[in-house]
Amino acid sequence: MEILLYVIIFVLLVVILALVLRPRKIEVPAIDELEAKLRFALASAESVKEIQAMVECLPQDVLASITHSMGTRTGKLNELLATFELTQYDRLFYLGEPIDFVGVKYGEGVDFIEVKTGKARLSEDEKKLKELIDAKMVNYVPLSVQRIGIAEHIDTR
């Protein structure tokens, strides 16, 4: 009986050693996939640095042009939003250039409205128009146009 116990213990030890020493499959991520991810990360960092260097090298007038373009778009949006604040007028006409709106209050007067935000200043045309208005050099000009009979003068042959 004692021998049987030694045999069982020996068999169990062999099984344990076989399990411990047996090669295991270790899942290693695909090297190609890791390499691609690493290259992407490095490329992204390099791309950001390249873009920063390019922006720093841009001439000041190009940067001014870009910011002016953004300012123009913001100004147009603000003109649109201003219409919600200009409800006190009987009629509101959008012109855009050189003045944004003409507001009419019947029985009270006509207002020339220029929408500006922040540090925006009047353009040269806007300054000249303001000077004309301030000097009361504003006129009402009726214009009558005679009907032109174009159809009679076209040869349809």
Protein backbone atom coordinates (compact mmCIF):
# COMPACT_ATOMS: atom_id res chain seq x y z
CA MET A 1 0.00 0.00 0.00
CA GLU A 2 2.85 2.27 0.77
CA ILE A 3 4.30 1.73 -2.69
CA LEU A 4 0.97 2.64 -4.25
CA LEU A 5 0.99 5.94 -2.36
CA TYR A 6 4.51 6.68 -3.58
CA VAL A 7 3.45 5.91 -7.14
CA ILE A 8 0.41 8.20 -6.88
CA ILE A 9 2.55 10.99 -5.41
CA PHE A 10 5.15 10.47 -8.12
CA VAL A 11 2.48 10.57 -10.84
CA LEU A 12 0.99 13.74 -9.35
CA LEU A 13 4.44 15.36 -9.22
CA VAL A 14 5.06 14.46 -12.86
CA VAL A 15 1.69 15.93 -13.84
CA ILE A 16 2.39 19.11 -11.84
CA LEU A 17 5.87 19.45 -13.37
CA ALA A 18 4.47 18.85 -16.83
CA LEU A 19 1.85 21.56 -16.29
CA VAL A 20 4.36 24.02 -14.85
CA LEU A 21 7.04 23.45 -17.46
CA ARG A 22 4.78 23.15 -20.47
CA PRO A 23 5.14 26.02 -22.97
CA ARG A 24 2.25 28.43 -22.89
CA LYS A 25 0.82 30.50 -25.69
CA ILE A 26 1.33 34.15 -24.95
CA GLU A 27 -0.69 36.51 -27.05
CA VAL A 28 1.63 39.13 -28.44
CA PRO A 29 0.00 41.90 -30.42
CA ALA A 30 0.90 41.92 -34.06
CA ILE A 31 4.18 43.76 -34.51
CA ASP A 32 2.95 45.33 -37.73
CA GLU A 33 -0.09 46.76 -35.95
CA LEU A 34 2.01 48.18 -33.10
CA GLU A 35 4.47 49.63 -35.57
CA ALA A 36 1.66 51.30 -37.56
CA LYS A 37 0.18 52.83 -34.40
CA LEU A 38 3.59 54.10 -33.30
CA ARG A 39 4.29 55.62 -36.73
CA PHE A 40 0.86 57.33 -36.70
CA ALA A 41 1.52 58.79 -33.23
CA LEU A 42 4.95 60.03 -34.27
CA ALA A 43 3.63 61.41 -37.55
CA SER A 44 0.85 63.26 -35.72
CA ALA A 45 3.32 64.84 -33.31
CA GLU A 46 5.63 65.77 -36.19
CA SER A 47 2.71 67.14 -38.21
CA VAL A 48 1.65 69.37 -35.33
CA LYS A 49 5.22 70.67 -34.99
CA GLU A 50 5.42 71.28 -38.75
CA ILE A 51 2.14 73.20 -38.75
CA GLN A 52 3.29 75.29 -35.79
CA ALA A 53 6.55 76.07 -37.58
CA MET A 54 4.67 77.02 -40.76
CA VAL A 55 2.32 79.34 -38.86
CA GLU A 56 5.26 81.01 -37.14
CA CYS A 57 6.89 81.57 -40.54
CA LEU A 58 3.78 83.05 -42.16
CA PRO A 59 4.15 86.69 -43.02
CA GLN A 60 2.19 89.05 -40.83
CA ASP A 61 0.05 90.22 -43.75
CA VAL A 62 -1.16 86.65 -44.41
CA LEU A 63 -2.17 86.24 -40.78
CA ALA A 64 -3.89 89.61 -40.91
CA SER A 65 -5.76 88.50 -44.04
CA ILE A 66 -6.98 85.33 -42.34
CA THR A 67 -8.13 87.16 -39.21
CA HIS A 68 -9.77 89.89 -41.33
CA SER A 69 -11.70 87.22 -43.22
CA MET A 70 -12.90 85.75 -39.94
CA GLY A 71 -13.82 89.24 -38.75
CA THR A 72 -15.83 89.85 -41.92
CA ARG A 73 -17.80 86.65 -41.41
CA THR A 74 -18.44 87.53 -37.77
CA GLY A 75 -19.56 90.99 -38.84
CA LYS A 76 -22.06 89.56 -41.34
CA LEU A 77 -23.45 87.28 -38.64
CA ASN A 78 -23.78 90.22 -36.26
CA GLU A 79 -25.60 92.20 -38.96
CA LEU A 80 -28.08 89.36 -39.25
CA LEU A 81 -28.54 89.20 -35.47
CA ALA A 82 -28.98 92.98 -35.35
CA THR A 83 -32.24 92.68 -37.31
CA PHE A 84 -33.80 91.20 -34.17
CA GLU A 85 -32.93 94.39 -32.28
CA LEU A 86 -34.19 96.73 -35.00
CA THR A 87 -37.89 95.94 -34.65
CA GLN A 88 -38.81 99.52 -33.73
CA TYR A 89 -38.69 100.55 -37.40
CA ASP A 90 -41.70 100.52 -39.70
CA ARG A 91 -39.44 99.50 -42.60
CA LEU A 92 -35.90 98.15 -42.50
CA PHE A 93 -33.79 97.88 -45.66
CA TYR A 94 -30.56 95.90 -45.76
CA LEU A 95 -27.90 97.49 -47.94
CA GLY A 96 -24.66 95.87 -46.72
CA GLU A 97 -22.32 98.41 -48.30
CA PRO A 98 -21.36 101.09 -47.45
CA ILE A 99 -24.03 101.15 -44.73
CA ASP A 100 -25.69 98.07 -43.24
CA PHE A 101 -29.33 99.17 -42.89
CA VAL A 102 -31.68 102.03 -43.52
CA GLY A 103 -34.46 102.13 -40.96
CA VAL A 104 -37.63 104.12 -41.56
CA LYS A 105 -39.98 105.30 -38.81
CA TYR A 106 -42.89 106.95 -40.57
CA GLY A 107 -43.62 110.32 -39.05
CA GLU A 108 -40.27 110.37 -37.19
CA GLY A 109 -37.40 109.97 -39.64
CA VAL A 110 -34.90 107.83 -41.45
CA ASP A 111 -31.88 106.26 -39.75
CA PHE A 112 -28.71 105.04 -41.41
CA ILE A 113 -27.56 102.07 -39.33
CA GLU A 114 -24.03 100.65 -39.29
CA VAL A 115 -23.47 97.51 -37.18
CA LYS A 116 -20.04 97.27 -35.55
CA THR A 117 -18.68 94.95 -32.90
CA GLY A 118 -15.77 95.20 -30.51
CA LYS A 119 -12.92 97.33 -31.82
CA ALA A 120 -14.21 97.55 -35.39
CA ARG A 121 -13.79 100.96 -37.00
CA LEU A 122 -15.55 102.70 -39.86
CA SER A 123 -14.16 102.10 -43.33
CA GLU A 124 -13.22 105.07 -45.52
CA ASP A 125 -16.52 104.80 -47.44
CA GLU A 126 -18.47 104.62 -44.18
CA LYS A 127 -16.65 107.71 -42.86
CA LYS A 128 -17.44 109.67 -46.04
CA LEU A 129 -21.11 108.66 -45.90
CA LYS A 130 -21.30 109.65 -42.22
CA GLU A 131 -19.81 113.06 -43.09
CA LEU A 132 -22.48 113.58 -45.79
CA ILE A 133 -25.25 112.63 -43.37
CA ASP A 134 -23.83 114.82 -40.58
CA ALA A 135 -23.64 117.75 -43.04
CA LYS A 136 -27.30 117.11 -43.92
CA MET A 137 -26.30 116.56 -47.54
CA VAL A 138 -28.99 113.88 -48.01
CA ASN A 139 -31.57 114.18 -50.77
CA TYR A 140 -34.66 112.40 -51.99
CA VAL A 141 -34.33 111.82 -55.73
CA PRO A 142 -37.35 110.56 -57.69
CA LEU A 143 -36.40 108.97 -61.00
CA SER A 144 -38.85 108.29 -63.78
CA VAL A 145 -37.83 105.84 -66.50
CA GLN A 146 -39.72 105.63 -69.78
CA ARG A 147 -40.68 102.17 -70.95
CA ILE A 148 -38.25 101.00 -73.61
CA GLY A 149 -39.87 99.00 -76.37
CA ILE A 150 -37.08 96.48 -76.89
CA ALA A 151 -39.40 93.91 -78.44
CA GLU A 152 -40.14 96.17 -81.45
CA HIS A 153 -36.45 96.55 -82.28
CA ILE A 154 -35.45 92.87 -82.19
CA ASP A 155 -35.24 91.15 -85.56
CA THR A 156 -36.72 87.66 -85.16
CA ARG A 157 -35.72 86.29 -88.56
